[in-house]
N, C-alpha and C. Protein backbone atom coordinates (compact mmCIF):
# COMPACT_ATOMS: atom_id res chain seq x y z
N MET A 1 43.37 -30.46 -1.84
CA MET A 1 42.66 -30.28 -0.66
C MET A 1 40.98 -30.88 -0.52
N GLN A 2 40.06 -31.01 -1.65
CA GLN A 2 38.98 -31.50 -1.61
C GLN A 2 39.21 -33.11 -2.06
N ALA A 3 39.85 -33.49 -2.55
CA ALA A 3 40.12 -35.13 -2.61
C ALA A 3 40.66 -35.54 -1.29
N ILE A 4 41.42 -35.13 -0.81
CA ILE A 4 42.24 -35.61 0.48
C ILE A 4 40.74 -35.43 1.55
N ALA A 5 40.04 -34.74 1.75
CA ALA A 5 38.96 -34.37 2.27
C ALA A 5 37.91 -35.63 2.12
N ILE A 6 37.47 -35.72 0.70
CA ILE A 6 36.60 -37.10 0.60
C ILE A 6 37.65 -38.17 1.01
N ILE A 7 38.74 -38.33 0.61
CA ILE A 7 39.26 -39.83 1.06
C ILE A 7 39.08 -40.10 2.46
N GLU A 8 39.27 -38.70 3.25
CA GLU A 8 39.32 -39.05 4.67
C GLU A 8 37.72 -39.30 5.25
N LEU A 9 36.93 -38.62 4.44
CA LEU A 9 35.38 -38.75 5.13
C LEU A 9 35.03 -40.25 4.33
N ALA A 10 35.56 -40.61 3.16
CA ALA A 10 35.42 -42.06 2.86
C ALA A 10 36.01 -43.16 3.97
N LYS A 11 37.05 -42.92 4.66
CA LYS A 11 37.83 -43.62 5.53
C LYS A 11 36.48 -43.91 6.96
N LYS A 12 35.96 -42.83 6.91
CA LYS A 12 35.45 -42.32 8.01
C LYS A 12 33.88 -43.08 7.96
N GLY A 13 33.66 -43.55 6.77
CA GLY A 13 32.11 -44.08 6.25
C GLY A 13 31.01 -43.01 6.10
N TRP A 14 31.22 -41.61 5.63
CA TRP A 14 30.70 -40.24 5.48
C TRP A 14 30.15 -40.31 4.06
N VAL A 15 30.95 -41.48 3.26
CA VAL A 15 30.93 -41.14 1.91
C VAL A 15 30.05 -42.18 1.20
N GLU A 16 28.91 -42.34 0.48
CA GLU A 16 28.44 -43.58 0.26
C GLU A 16 28.94 -44.27 -0.83
N SER A 17 28.96 -45.68 -0.88
CA SER A 17 29.61 -46.22 -2.03
C SER A 17 28.31 -46.52 -3.23
N ILE A 18 28.93 -46.43 -4.50
CA ILE A 18 28.40 -45.96 -5.57
C ILE A 18 27.91 -47.87 -5.92
N PRO A 19 26.48 -47.86 -5.70
CA PRO A 19 25.88 -49.20 -6.04
C PRO A 19 26.26 -49.88 -7.66
N ASN A 20 26.62 -50.97 -7.51
CA ASN A 20 27.37 -51.69 -8.81
C ASN A 20 26.03 -51.74 -9.65
N GLN A 21 26.10 -51.53 -10.95
CA GLN A 21 25.06 -51.66 -11.74
C GLN A 21 25.24 -52.70 -12.94
N THR A 22 24.46 -53.77 -12.67
CA THR A 22 25.06 -55.24 -13.86
C THR A 22 23.70 -55.16 -15.07
N ARG A 23 22.74 -54.36 -15.09
CA ARG A 23 21.71 -54.34 -15.81
C ARG A 23 21.46 -53.10 -16.44
N ALA A 24 22.55 -52.42 -17.03
CA ALA A 24 22.23 -50.98 -17.45
C ALA A 24 21.63 -51.21 -18.82
N TRP A 25 20.00 -51.37 -19.19
CA TRP A 25 19.75 -51.45 -20.47
C TRP A 25 19.66 -50.14 -21.16
N ALA A 26 19.69 -49.08 -20.76
CA ALA A 26 19.83 -47.92 -21.65
C ALA A 26 21.02 -47.49 -22.26
N VAL A 27 21.99 -47.69 -21.12
CA VAL A 27 23.39 -47.81 -21.55
C VAL A 27 23.80 -49.47 -22.55
N LEU A 28 23.12 -50.26 -22.90
CA LEU A 28 23.33 -51.32 -23.70
C LEU A 28 22.91 -50.79 -24.77
N VAL A 29 21.65 -50.18 -24.98
CA VAL A 29 21.00 -50.00 -26.28
C VAL A 29 21.80 -48.88 -26.85
N HIS A 30 22.43 -47.89 -26.15
CA HIS A 30 23.14 -46.91 -26.76
C HIS A 30 24.51 -47.60 -27.11
N GLN A 31 25.06 -48.47 -26.67
CA GLN A 31 26.38 -49.10 -27.06
C GLN A 31 26.27 -49.79 -28.46
N LEU A 32 24.99 -50.32 -28.29
CA LEU A 32 24.37 -51.23 -29.65
C LEU A 32 24.53 -50.23 -30.71
N LEU A 33 23.67 -49.28 -30.42
CA LEU A 33 23.76 -48.15 -31.76
C LEU A 33 24.97 -47.54 -32.18
N ALA A 34 25.75 -47.34 -30.98
CA ALA A 34 27.19 -46.83 -31.11
C ALA A 34 27.97 -47.75 -32.32
N LEU A 35 27.71 -49.08 -31.66
CA LEU A 35 28.86 -49.99 -32.41
C LEU A 35 28.10 -50.14 -33.80
N THR A 36 26.89 -50.10 -34.07
CA THR A 36 26.30 -50.11 -35.15
C THR A 36 26.69 -49.05 -36.43
N LEU A 37 27.07 -47.78 -35.55
CA LEU A 37 27.51 -46.90 -36.42
C LEU A 37 28.80 -46.65 -36.75
N GLN A 38 29.52 -47.32 -35.76
CA GLN A 38 30.88 -47.06 -35.88
C GLN A 38 31.57 -48.27 -37.35
N PHE A 39 30.58 -49.32 -37.14
CA PHE A 39 31.03 -50.17 -38.10
C PHE A 39 30.48 -50.39 -39.15
N GLY A 40 29.39 -49.49 -39.32
CA GLY A 40 28.31 -49.46 -40.53
C GLY A 40 27.39 -50.85 -40.56
N GLY A 41 27.26 -51.24 -39.08
CA GLY A 41 26.49 -52.68 -39.09
C GLY A 41 27.57 -53.56 -38.68
N ILE A 42 26.92 -54.27 -37.73
CA ILE A 42 27.63 -55.17 -36.96
C ILE A 42 26.72 -56.53 -36.39
N SER A 43 27.23 -57.90 -36.30
CA SER A 43 26.55 -58.86 -35.92
C SER A 43 26.17 -58.90 -34.52
N PRO A 44 24.92 -59.61 -34.01
CA PRO A 44 24.60 -59.46 -32.78
C PRO A 44 25.74 -60.57 -31.90
N GLU A 45 26.42 -61.30 -32.51
CA GLU A 45 27.44 -61.98 -31.70
C GLU A 45 28.73 -61.26 -31.65
N ARG A 46 29.19 -60.37 -32.68
CA ARG A 46 30.04 -59.60 -32.38
C ARG A 46 29.87 -58.73 -31.30
N CYS A 47 28.43 -58.04 -31.18
CA CYS A 47 28.11 -57.27 -30.05
C CYS A 47 28.10 -57.86 -28.74
N TRP A 48 27.48 -59.14 -28.80
CA TRP A 48 27.70 -59.94 -27.35
C TRP A 48 29.10 -59.95 -27.18
N GLY A 49 29.86 -60.35 -27.83
CA GLY A 49 31.51 -60.75 -27.52
C GLY A 49 32.27 -59.59 -26.78
N GLN A 50 31.67 -58.44 -27.13
CA GLN A 50 32.54 -56.74 -26.94
C GLN A 50 31.48 -56.23 -25.52
N LEU A 51 30.44 -56.52 -25.45
CA LEU A 51 29.79 -56.06 -24.54
C LEU A 51 29.54 -56.80 -23.24
N SER A 52 29.40 -58.43 -23.36
CA SER A 52 29.10 -59.14 -22.31
C SER A 52 30.13 -59.22 -20.99
N VAL A 53 31.13 -58.65 -21.65
CA VAL A 53 32.15 -58.50 -20.48
C VAL A 53 32.35 -57.40 -20.06
N VAL A 54 31.77 -56.22 -20.21
CA VAL A 54 31.64 -55.15 -19.58
C VAL A 54 30.68 -55.44 -17.97
N PRO A 55 31.35 -54.86 -17.15
CA PRO A 55 30.51 -55.10 -15.81
C PRO A 55 28.94 -54.88 -15.64
N ASP A 56 28.75 -53.45 -15.89
CA ASP A 56 27.49 -53.05 -15.93
C ASP A 56 26.37 -54.05 -17.05
N PHE A 57 27.12 -54.72 -17.59
CA PHE A 57 26.25 -55.55 -18.46
C PHE A 57 26.32 -57.04 -18.18
N SER A 58 26.77 -57.34 -16.90
CA SER A 58 27.21 -58.75 -16.62
C SER A 58 26.17 -59.67 -15.95
N GLY A 59 24.99 -58.50 -15.45
CA GLY A 59 23.80 -59.19 -15.13
C GLY A 59 22.83 -59.52 -16.19
N ILE A 60 22.91 -59.09 -17.54
CA ILE A 60 22.05 -59.46 -18.65
C ILE A 60 22.45 -60.77 -19.28
N THR A 61 21.66 -61.58 -19.59
CA THR A 61 22.05 -63.14 -20.11
C THR A 61 22.01 -63.08 -21.37
N HIS A 62 22.43 -63.84 -22.16
CA HIS A 62 22.62 -63.87 -23.60
C HIS A 62 21.19 -63.99 -24.36
N SER A 63 20.00 -64.90 -23.54
CA SER A 63 18.73 -64.89 -24.25
C SER A 63 18.28 -63.65 -23.96
N GLU A 64 18.56 -62.79 -23.05
CA GLU A 64 18.05 -61.57 -22.81
C GLU A 64 18.36 -60.66 -23.45
N PHE A 65 19.67 -60.76 -24.03
CA PHE A 65 20.43 -59.83 -25.20
C PHE A 65 19.57 -59.94 -26.33
N GLU A 66 19.38 -61.47 -26.89
CA GLU A 66 18.81 -61.81 -28.14
C GLU A 66 17.56 -61.31 -28.08
N ILE A 67 16.81 -61.04 -26.93
CA ILE A 67 15.47 -60.59 -27.02
C ILE A 67 15.47 -59.02 -27.24
N LEU A 68 16.51 -58.63 -26.83
CA LEU A 68 16.55 -56.70 -26.84
C LEU A 68 16.69 -56.79 -28.18
N ILE A 69 17.78 -57.66 -29.12
CA ILE A 69 18.25 -57.40 -30.38
C ILE A 69 17.13 -57.65 -31.37
N LYS A 70 16.10 -58.73 -31.13
CA LYS A 70 15.16 -59.39 -31.88
C LYS A 70 14.08 -57.93 -31.55
N HIS A 71 13.62 -57.30 -30.75
CA HIS A 71 12.88 -56.26 -30.24
C HIS A 71 13.62 -54.96 -31.04
N MET A 72 14.63 -54.55 -31.10
CA MET A 72 14.97 -53.68 -31.74
C MET A 72 14.90 -53.73 -33.33
N ILE A 73 15.11 -54.98 -33.62
CA ILE A 73 15.02 -55.20 -35.46
C ILE A 73 13.57 -54.95 -35.65
N GLN A 74 12.52 -55.64 -34.89
CA GLN A 74 11.34 -55.67 -35.17
C GLN A 74 10.73 -54.41 -35.28
N THR A 75 11.08 -53.47 -34.20
CA THR A 75 10.23 -52.19 -34.17
C THR A 75 11.42 -51.15 -34.99
N GLU A 76 12.52 -51.73 -35.48
CA GLU A 76 13.26 -50.88 -36.28
C GLU A 76 13.81 -49.89 -35.74
N VAL A 77 13.46 -49.98 -34.03
CA VAL A 77 13.69 -48.69 -33.35
C VAL A 77 13.60 -47.18 -34.38
N GLN A 78 12.35 -47.74 -35.22
CA GLN A 78 11.72 -46.55 -36.02
C GLN A 78 13.02 -45.77 -36.73
N SER A 79 12.73 -44.66 -37.64
CA SER A 79 13.27 -44.21 -38.61
C SER A 79 14.29 -43.26 -37.46
N SER A 80 15.53 -42.91 -38.11
CA SER A 80 16.43 -41.87 -37.36
C SER A 80 15.90 -40.47 -37.47
N ILE A 81 14.71 -40.55 -38.47
CA ILE A 81 14.20 -38.87 -38.49
C ILE A 81 12.77 -39.38 -37.83
N GLN A 82 12.18 -38.37 -36.80
CA GLN A 82 11.04 -38.42 -36.22
C GLN A 82 10.70 -37.11 -36.71
N LEU A 83 9.18 -37.16 -37.50
CA LEU A 83 8.39 -35.64 -37.81
C LEU A 83 7.56 -35.60 -36.83
N GLU A 84 7.54 -34.53 -36.52
CA GLU A 84 6.25 -33.81 -35.85
C GLU A 84 5.48 -32.67 -36.53
N THR A 85 4.63 -32.31 -36.33
CA THR A 85 3.86 -31.23 -37.00
C THR A 85 4.60 -30.16 -37.17
N ASP A 86 5.34 -29.60 -36.30
CA ASP A 86 6.52 -28.32 -36.85
C ASP A 86 7.75 -28.36 -36.81
N ARG A 87 8.12 -29.64 -36.54
CA ARG A 87 9.91 -29.91 -37.06
C ARG A 87 9.83 -31.35 -37.39
N ALA A 88 11.33 -31.51 -37.53
CA ALA A 88 11.63 -33.05 -37.36
C ALA A 88 13.02 -32.71 -36.67
N LEU A 89 13.25 -34.36 -36.22
CA LEU A 89 14.21 -34.68 -35.26
C LEU A 89 14.95 -35.46 -36.01
N TRP A 90 16.64 -35.36 -36.29
CA TRP A 90 17.15 -36.41 -36.98
C TRP A 90 18.01 -36.89 -35.60
N TRP A 91 17.82 -38.30 -35.45
CA TRP A 91 18.80 -38.39 -34.22
C TRP A 91 20.00 -39.33 -35.09
N THR A 92 21.06 -38.88 -35.12
CA THR A 92 22.33 -39.23 -35.76
C THR A 92 22.93 -39.96 -34.94
N PHE A 93 23.37 -39.45 -33.65
CA PHE A 93 24.50 -40.30 -32.56
C PHE A 93 25.81 -39.80 -33.13
N ALA A 94 25.74 -38.80 -33.96
CA ALA A 94 27.35 -39.02 -34.81
C ALA A 94 28.29 -37.94 -34.24
N GLY A 95 27.86 -37.43 -33.27
CA GLY A 95 29.03 -36.53 -32.54
C GLY A 95 29.03 -34.92 -33.00
N GLY A 96 29.33 -34.24 -32.33
CA GLY A 96 29.20 -32.73 -32.54
C GLY A 96 29.79 -31.85 -33.69
N GLN A 97 30.93 -32.57 -34.41
CA GLN A 97 31.48 -31.91 -35.31
C GLN A 97 30.69 -32.47 -36.85
N VAL A 98 30.58 -33.71 -36.90
CA VAL A 98 29.58 -34.19 -37.93
C VAL A 98 28.10 -33.66 -37.81
N ASN A 99 27.35 -33.35 -36.62
CA ASN A 99 25.88 -32.93 -36.86
C ASN A 99 26.43 -31.51 -37.36
N HIS A 100 27.42 -30.58 -36.49
CA HIS A 100 27.44 -29.22 -37.08
C HIS A 100 27.77 -29.39 -38.49
N THR A 101 28.52 -30.17 -39.20
CA THR A 101 28.61 -30.13 -40.54
C THR A 101 27.32 -30.40 -41.30
N LEU A 102 26.84 -31.22 -40.89
CA LEU A 102 25.23 -31.43 -41.39
C LEU A 102 24.00 -30.26 -41.34
N LYS A 103 24.33 -29.63 -40.37
CA LYS A 103 23.65 -28.66 -40.09
C LYS A 103 23.63 -27.57 -41.54
N TYR A 104 25.18 -26.94 -41.53
CA TYR A 104 25.31 -25.92 -42.60
C TYR A 104 24.91 -26.44 -44.00
N GLY A 105 25.15 -28.07 -44.21
CA GLY A 105 24.84 -28.70 -45.24
C GLY A 105 23.19 -28.46 -45.63
N LEU A 106 22.77 -29.01 -44.68
CA LEU A 106 21.04 -28.64 -44.71
C LEU A 106 20.46 -27.41 -44.97
N GLN A 107 21.30 -26.23 -44.27
CA GLN A 107 20.97 -24.84 -44.47
C GLN A 107 21.09 -24.30 -45.73
N PHE A 108 22.02 -24.93 -46.54
CA PHE A 108 22.58 -24.44 -47.78
C PHE A 108 21.43 -24.12 -48.94
N HIS A 109 20.60 -25.39 -48.94
CA HIS A 109 19.58 -25.31 -50.00
C HIS A 109 18.39 -24.67 -49.31
N HIS A 110 18.11 -25.06 -47.93
CA HIS A 110 16.87 -24.49 -47.12
C HIS A 110 17.09 -23.54 -46.28
N ASP A 111 16.00 -22.56 -45.90
CA ASP A 111 16.00 -21.78 -44.59
C ASP A 111 15.39 -22.11 -43.53
N TRP A 112 15.99 -23.39 -43.10
CA TRP A 112 15.76 -24.02 -42.24
C TRP A 112 16.37 -23.29 -40.71
N LYS A 113 15.55 -23.56 -39.74
CA LYS A 113 16.27 -23.05 -38.21
C LYS A 113 16.61 -24.46 -37.75
N ILE A 114 17.90 -24.76 -37.55
CA ILE A 114 18.46 -25.95 -37.49
C ILE A 114 19.27 -26.03 -36.19
N ILE A 115 19.36 -26.79 -34.90
CA ILE A 115 19.91 -26.90 -33.79
C ILE A 115 20.55 -28.26 -33.59
N SER A 116 21.91 -28.01 -33.64
CA SER A 116 22.26 -29.31 -33.45
C SER A 116 23.41 -29.94 -32.29
N ASP A 117 23.34 -30.95 -32.00
CA ASP A 117 24.29 -31.60 -30.62
C ASP A 117 24.89 -32.43 -30.94
N ASN A 118 25.38 -33.20 -29.57
CA ASN A 118 26.34 -34.50 -30.09
C ASN A 118 25.44 -35.67 -30.82
N PHE A 119 24.03 -35.55 -30.53
CA PHE A 119 23.26 -36.62 -30.75
C PHE A 119 22.00 -36.66 -31.62
N LYS A 120 21.62 -35.55 -32.06
CA LYS A 120 20.81 -34.97 -33.33
C LYS A 120 20.27 -33.64 -33.46
N LEU A 121 19.83 -33.66 -34.74
CA LEU A 121 19.54 -32.15 -35.20
C LEU A 121 18.15 -31.77 -35.20
N LYS A 122 17.71 -30.66 -34.15
CA LYS A 122 16.49 -30.47 -34.64
C LYS A 122 15.99 -29.47 -35.49
N ILE A 123 15.41 -30.05 -36.15
CA ILE A 123 15.09 -28.85 -37.70
C ILE A 123 13.62 -28.26 -37.91
N GLU A 124 13.93 -27.05 -37.94
CA GLU A 124 12.23 -26.54 -38.08
C GLU A 124 12.12 -25.60 -39.53
N GLY A 125 11.18 -25.74 -39.99
CA GLY A 125 11.02 -24.50 -41.30
C GLY A 125 9.63 -25.36 -41.95
N ASP A 126 9.07 -24.64 -42.85
CA ASP A 126 7.96 -24.96 -43.52
C ASP A 126 8.20 -25.96 -43.99
N SER A 127 9.07 -26.06 -45.28
CA SER A 127 9.16 -27.49 -46.23
C SER A 127 9.91 -28.40 -45.49
N VAL A 128 10.04 -28.66 -44.09
CA VAL A 128 10.53 -29.63 -43.56
C VAL A 128 9.66 -31.02 -43.55
N GLY A 129 10.06 -31.93 -44.37
CA GLY A 129 9.25 -32.99 -44.33
C GLY A 129 10.18 -34.35 -44.57
N TYR A 130 9.76 -35.71 -45.01
CA TYR A 130 11.00 -36.90 -45.37
C TYR A 130 11.35 -36.52 -46.48
N ALA A 131 10.43 -36.06 -47.64
CA ALA A 131 11.04 -36.18 -48.95
C ALA A 131 12.27 -34.79 -48.99
N THR A 132 12.07 -33.88 -48.54
CA THR A 132 12.77 -32.84 -48.72
C THR A 132 14.25 -32.83 -47.84
N LEU A 133 13.80 -33.73 -46.80
CA LEU A 133 15.15 -34.16 -46.14
C LEU A 133 15.89 -35.11 -46.79
N SER A 134 15.30 -36.02 -47.09
CA SER A 134 15.95 -37.24 -48.00
C SER A 134 16.47 -36.95 -49.28
N LEU A 135 15.97 -35.73 -49.85
CA LEU A 135 16.60 -35.01 -51.16
C LEU A 135 18.25 -34.59 -50.83
N ALA A 136 17.88 -33.64 -49.89
CA ALA A 136 19.06 -32.93 -49.02
C ALA A 136 19.94 -33.70 -48.43
N ILE A 137 19.63 -34.77 -47.84
CA ILE A 137 20.52 -35.87 -47.39
C ILE A 137 21.40 -36.50 -48.37
N ALA A 138 20.75 -36.64 -49.44
CA ALA A 138 21.23 -37.95 -50.72
C ALA A 138 22.33 -36.55 -51.68
N GLN A 139 21.98 -35.40 -51.35
CA GLN A 139 22.93 -34.42 -52.17
C GLN A 139 24.27 -34.09 -51.22
N MET A 140 23.88 -34.16 -49.93
CA MET A 140 25.32 -33.95 -49.01
C MET A 140 26.29 -35.16 -49.49
N SER A 141 25.70 -36.52 -49.40
CA SER A 141 26.13 -37.49 -49.47
C SER A 141 27.75 -37.58 -50.37
N THR A 142 27.83 -36.70 -51.15
CA THR A 142 28.75 -36.67 -52.31
C THR A 142 29.76 -35.36 -51.65
N PRO A 143 31.05 -36.07 -52.32
CA PRO A 143 32.24 -34.87 -51.72
C PRO A 143 32.01 -33.62 -52.92
N THR A 144 31.47 -33.88 -54.07
CA THR A 144 31.07 -32.68 -55.09
C THR A 144 30.38 -31.57 -54.23
N PHE A 145 29.15 -31.91 -53.52
CA PHE A 145 28.36 -31.15 -52.85
C PHE A 145 29.06 -30.03 -52.01
N TRP A 146 30.26 -30.88 -51.00
CA TRP A 146 31.26 -30.09 -49.96
C TRP A 146 32.28 -29.20 -50.57
N GLU A 147 32.64 -29.89 -51.77
CA GLU A 147 33.75 -29.26 -52.85
C GLU A 147 33.63 -28.04 -53.35
N ALA A 148 32.12 -27.58 -53.75
CA ALA A 148 31.63 -26.87 -54.72
C ALA A 148 31.92 -25.24 -53.92
N PRO A 149 32.66 -24.60 -54.81
CA PRO A 149 33.04 -23.01 -54.13
C PRO A 149 31.97 -22.42 -53.34
N ALA A 150 30.72 -22.43 -53.85
CA ALA A 150 29.27 -22.03 -53.42
C ALA A 150 28.96 -22.31 -51.81
N THR A 151 29.14 -23.90 -51.87
CA THR A 151 28.85 -24.43 -50.56
C THR A 151 29.74 -24.05 -49.57
N GLN A 152 31.03 -24.23 -50.16
CA GLN A 152 32.09 -23.47 -49.03
C GLN A 152 32.44 -21.95 -48.56
N ARG A 153 31.72 -21.43 -49.36
CA ARG A 153 31.65 -19.84 -49.21
C ARG A 153 30.06 -19.71 -48.01
N PHE A 154 29.24 -20.33 -48.36
CA PHE A 154 28.29 -20.50 -47.36
C PHE A 154 28.47 -21.03 -46.06
N ILE A 155 28.85 -21.76 -46.11
CA ILE A 155 29.46 -22.47 -44.85
C ILE A 155 30.32 -21.38 -44.06
N LEU A 156 31.16 -20.85 -44.62
CA LEU A 156 32.26 -20.23 -43.57
C LEU A 156 31.65 -18.86 -43.54
N SER A 157 30.71 -18.30 -44.37
CA SER A 157 30.06 -17.14 -44.10
C SER A 157 28.75 -17.65 -42.58
N GLN A 158 28.68 -18.92 -42.63
CA GLN A 158 27.79 -19.05 -41.32
C GLN A 158 28.30 -19.62 -40.12
N LEU A 159 29.69 -19.85 -39.90
CA LEU A 159 30.31 -20.07 -38.77
C LEU A 159 30.17 -19.09 -37.58
N PRO A 160 30.20 -19.16 -36.62
CA PRO A 160 30.10 -18.23 -35.43
C PRO A 160 31.36 -17.90 -35.30
N GLU A 161 31.50 -16.52 -34.26
CA GLU A 161 32.85 -15.81 -34.16
C GLU A 161 33.51 -16.40 -33.11
N TYR A 162 33.78 -17.76 -33.07
CA TYR A 162 34.71 -18.49 -31.82
C TYR A 162 36.04 -18.07 -31.65
N ARG A 163 36.34 -17.50 -30.46
CA ARG A 163 37.91 -17.25 -30.09
C ARG A 163 38.62 -18.22 -29.87
N LEU A 164 39.22 -19.27 -30.68
CA LEU A 164 40.18 -20.62 -30.01
C LEU A 164 41.37 -20.22 -29.66
N SER A 165 42.09 -18.87 -29.60
CA SER A 165 43.27 -18.60 -29.52
C SER A 165 43.65 -16.90 -29.24
N LYS A 166 43.94 -16.65 -28.13
CA LYS A 166 44.40 -15.42 -28.22
C LYS A 166 45.05 -14.69 -29.27
N PHE A 167 45.57 -15.51 -30.08
CA PHE A 167 46.47 -14.65 -31.35
C PHE A 167 45.50 -14.92 -32.56
N GLN A 168 44.49 -15.32 -32.43
CA GLN A 168 43.23 -15.53 -33.55
C GLN A 168 43.15 -14.21 -34.27
N ARG A 169 43.25 -13.29 -33.47
CA ARG A 169 42.78 -11.91 -33.98
C ARG A 169 43.66 -11.33 -34.84
N ALA A 170 44.93 -11.57 -34.55
CA ALA A 170 46.18 -11.42 -35.47
C ALA A 170 46.20 -12.01 -36.95
N LEU A 171 45.33 -12.86 -36.95
CA LEU A 171 45.13 -13.73 -38.41
C LEU A 171 44.10 -12.57 -39.54
N PRO A 172 44.62 -13.07 -40.60
CA PRO A 172 43.30 -12.61 -41.67
C PRO A 172 42.00 -13.30 -41.56
N GLU A 173 41.06 -12.78 -41.85
CA GLU A 173 39.98 -13.71 -41.55
C GLU A 173 39.54 -14.97 -41.88
N VAL A 174 40.33 -15.26 -43.11
CA VAL A 174 40.43 -16.25 -43.75
C VAL A 174 40.70 -17.43 -43.21
N TYR A 175 41.93 -17.30 -42.32
CA TYR A 175 42.57 -17.95 -41.44
C TYR A 175 41.84 -18.29 -40.32
N SER A 176 41.37 -17.39 -39.66
CA SER A 176 40.58 -17.24 -38.48
C SER A 176 39.42 -18.27 -38.79
N LEU A 177 39.11 -17.91 -39.70
CA LEU A 177 37.76 -19.17 -40.16
C LEU A 177 37.93 -20.19 -40.22
N GLU A 178 39.27 -20.71 -40.94
CA GLU A 178 39.69 -21.64 -41.20
C GLU A 178 39.80 -22.58 -39.80
N MET A 179 40.27 -21.80 -38.57
CA MET A 179 40.69 -22.40 -37.35
C MET A 179 39.11 -22.92 -36.87
N VAL A 180 38.59 -22.21 -36.96
CA VAL A 180 36.75 -22.23 -36.43
C VAL A 180 36.24 -23.65 -37.36
N SER A 181 36.62 -23.60 -38.42
CA SER A 181 35.93 -25.03 -39.48
C SER A 181 36.70 -26.07 -39.04
N ASN A 182 38.18 -25.85 -38.65
CA ASN A 182 38.66 -27.17 -38.55
C ASN A 182 38.17 -27.73 -37.14
N TYR A 183 37.88 -26.89 -36.08
CA TYR A 183 37.31 -27.30 -34.70
C TYR A 183 36.00 -27.71 -34.66
N LEU A 184 34.95 -26.99 -35.62
CA LEU A 184 33.59 -27.18 -35.80
C LEU A 184 33.19 -28.43 -36.61
N LEU A 185 33.63 -28.52 -37.70
CA LEU A 185 33.39 -29.36 -39.01
C LEU A 185 34.31 -30.47 -39.25
N ASP A 186 33.63 -31.73 -39.54
CA ASP A 186 34.25 -32.89 -40.37
C ASP A 186 33.38 -33.27 -41.71
N ILE A 187 33.86 -32.85 -42.74
CA ILE A 187 33.13 -32.92 -44.23
C ILE A 187 33.54 -34.65 -44.57
N PRO A 188 34.91 -34.85 -44.14
CA PRO A 188 35.19 -36.16 -44.52
C PRO A 188 34.21 -37.37 -43.62
N GLY A 189 34.20 -36.86 -42.28
CA GLY A 189 33.36 -37.68 -41.51
C GLY A 189 31.62 -38.10 -41.83
N VAL A 190 31.42 -36.21 -42.69
CA VAL A 190 29.84 -36.44 -42.51
C VAL A 190 29.66 -37.46 -43.70
N ILE A 191 30.45 -37.46 -44.99
CA ILE A 191 30.38 -38.17 -46.20
C ILE A 191 30.64 -39.81 -45.88
N LYS A 192 31.21 -39.97 -44.97
CA LYS A 192 31.28 -41.65 -44.42
C LYS A 192 30.16 -41.79 -43.81
N PHE A 193 29.95 -40.82 -42.71
CA PHE A 193 28.52 -41.49 -42.21
C PHE A 193 27.22 -41.34 -42.94
N LEU A 194 27.16 -40.24 -43.83
CA LEU A 194 25.98 -40.35 -44.71
C LEU A 194 25.93 -41.97 -45.62
N ASN A 195 27.26 -42.05 -46.02
CA ASN A 195 27.38 -43.40 -47.09
C ASN A 195 26.90 -44.63 -45.97
N LEU A 196 27.40 -44.56 -44.89
CA LEU A 196 27.02 -45.90 -44.18
C LEU A 196 25.64 -45.93 -43.77
N ASN A 197 24.66 -44.74 -43.29
CA ASN A 197 23.55 -44.51 -43.04
C ASN A 197 22.86 -44.31 -43.98
N LYS A 198 22.28 -44.86 -45.07
CA LYS A 198 21.35 -44.37 -46.15
C LYS A 198 20.05 -44.78 -45.58
N LEU A 199 19.15 -43.66 -46.15
CA LEU A 199 18.24 -43.77 -45.44
C LEU A 199 17.27 -44.62 -46.36
N GLU A 200 16.29 -45.57 -45.96
CA GLU A 200 15.59 -46.32 -46.98
C GLU A 200 14.48 -45.81 -47.76
């Protein structure tokens, strides 16, 4: 009913048209970062080939695109880790499953308070610094870390009590935790992400 009402209002001119955007700079930067993460590095020419055909970027010229690329490289878009006085922000843009997995991996060795979302991890704690984060990230880059029984036990003990199925309560706890783990975590994705995005 609501869809029909909106269509009828649109026919009568009561619904405003959405203005076309042809110079969506913030979206372009986001797409450049996403392509770089997806391929572990990508040439500007390949990016331009994929993005210049998108209507939202059709008003951006090739020379403006090159200026943007040079600026991003020159400023290095800073480090993916931003240190503040009482916390660190790690901008991964890696998605919820990878970031949740990173959260539990970082908490294995450190008593840090970590909040993760699809874009970043907010890390708070006394020992948070570039050196401790870099070391923890290096340790998490190997399958050995994730396969260790102590790591697996710790992660399973930290998982929230999500109810993903009405039949989940009929399962033994270990199988219920497996369901939550499969929903929240992506260990192969984390290993791939960390090895494609090594900190300098």
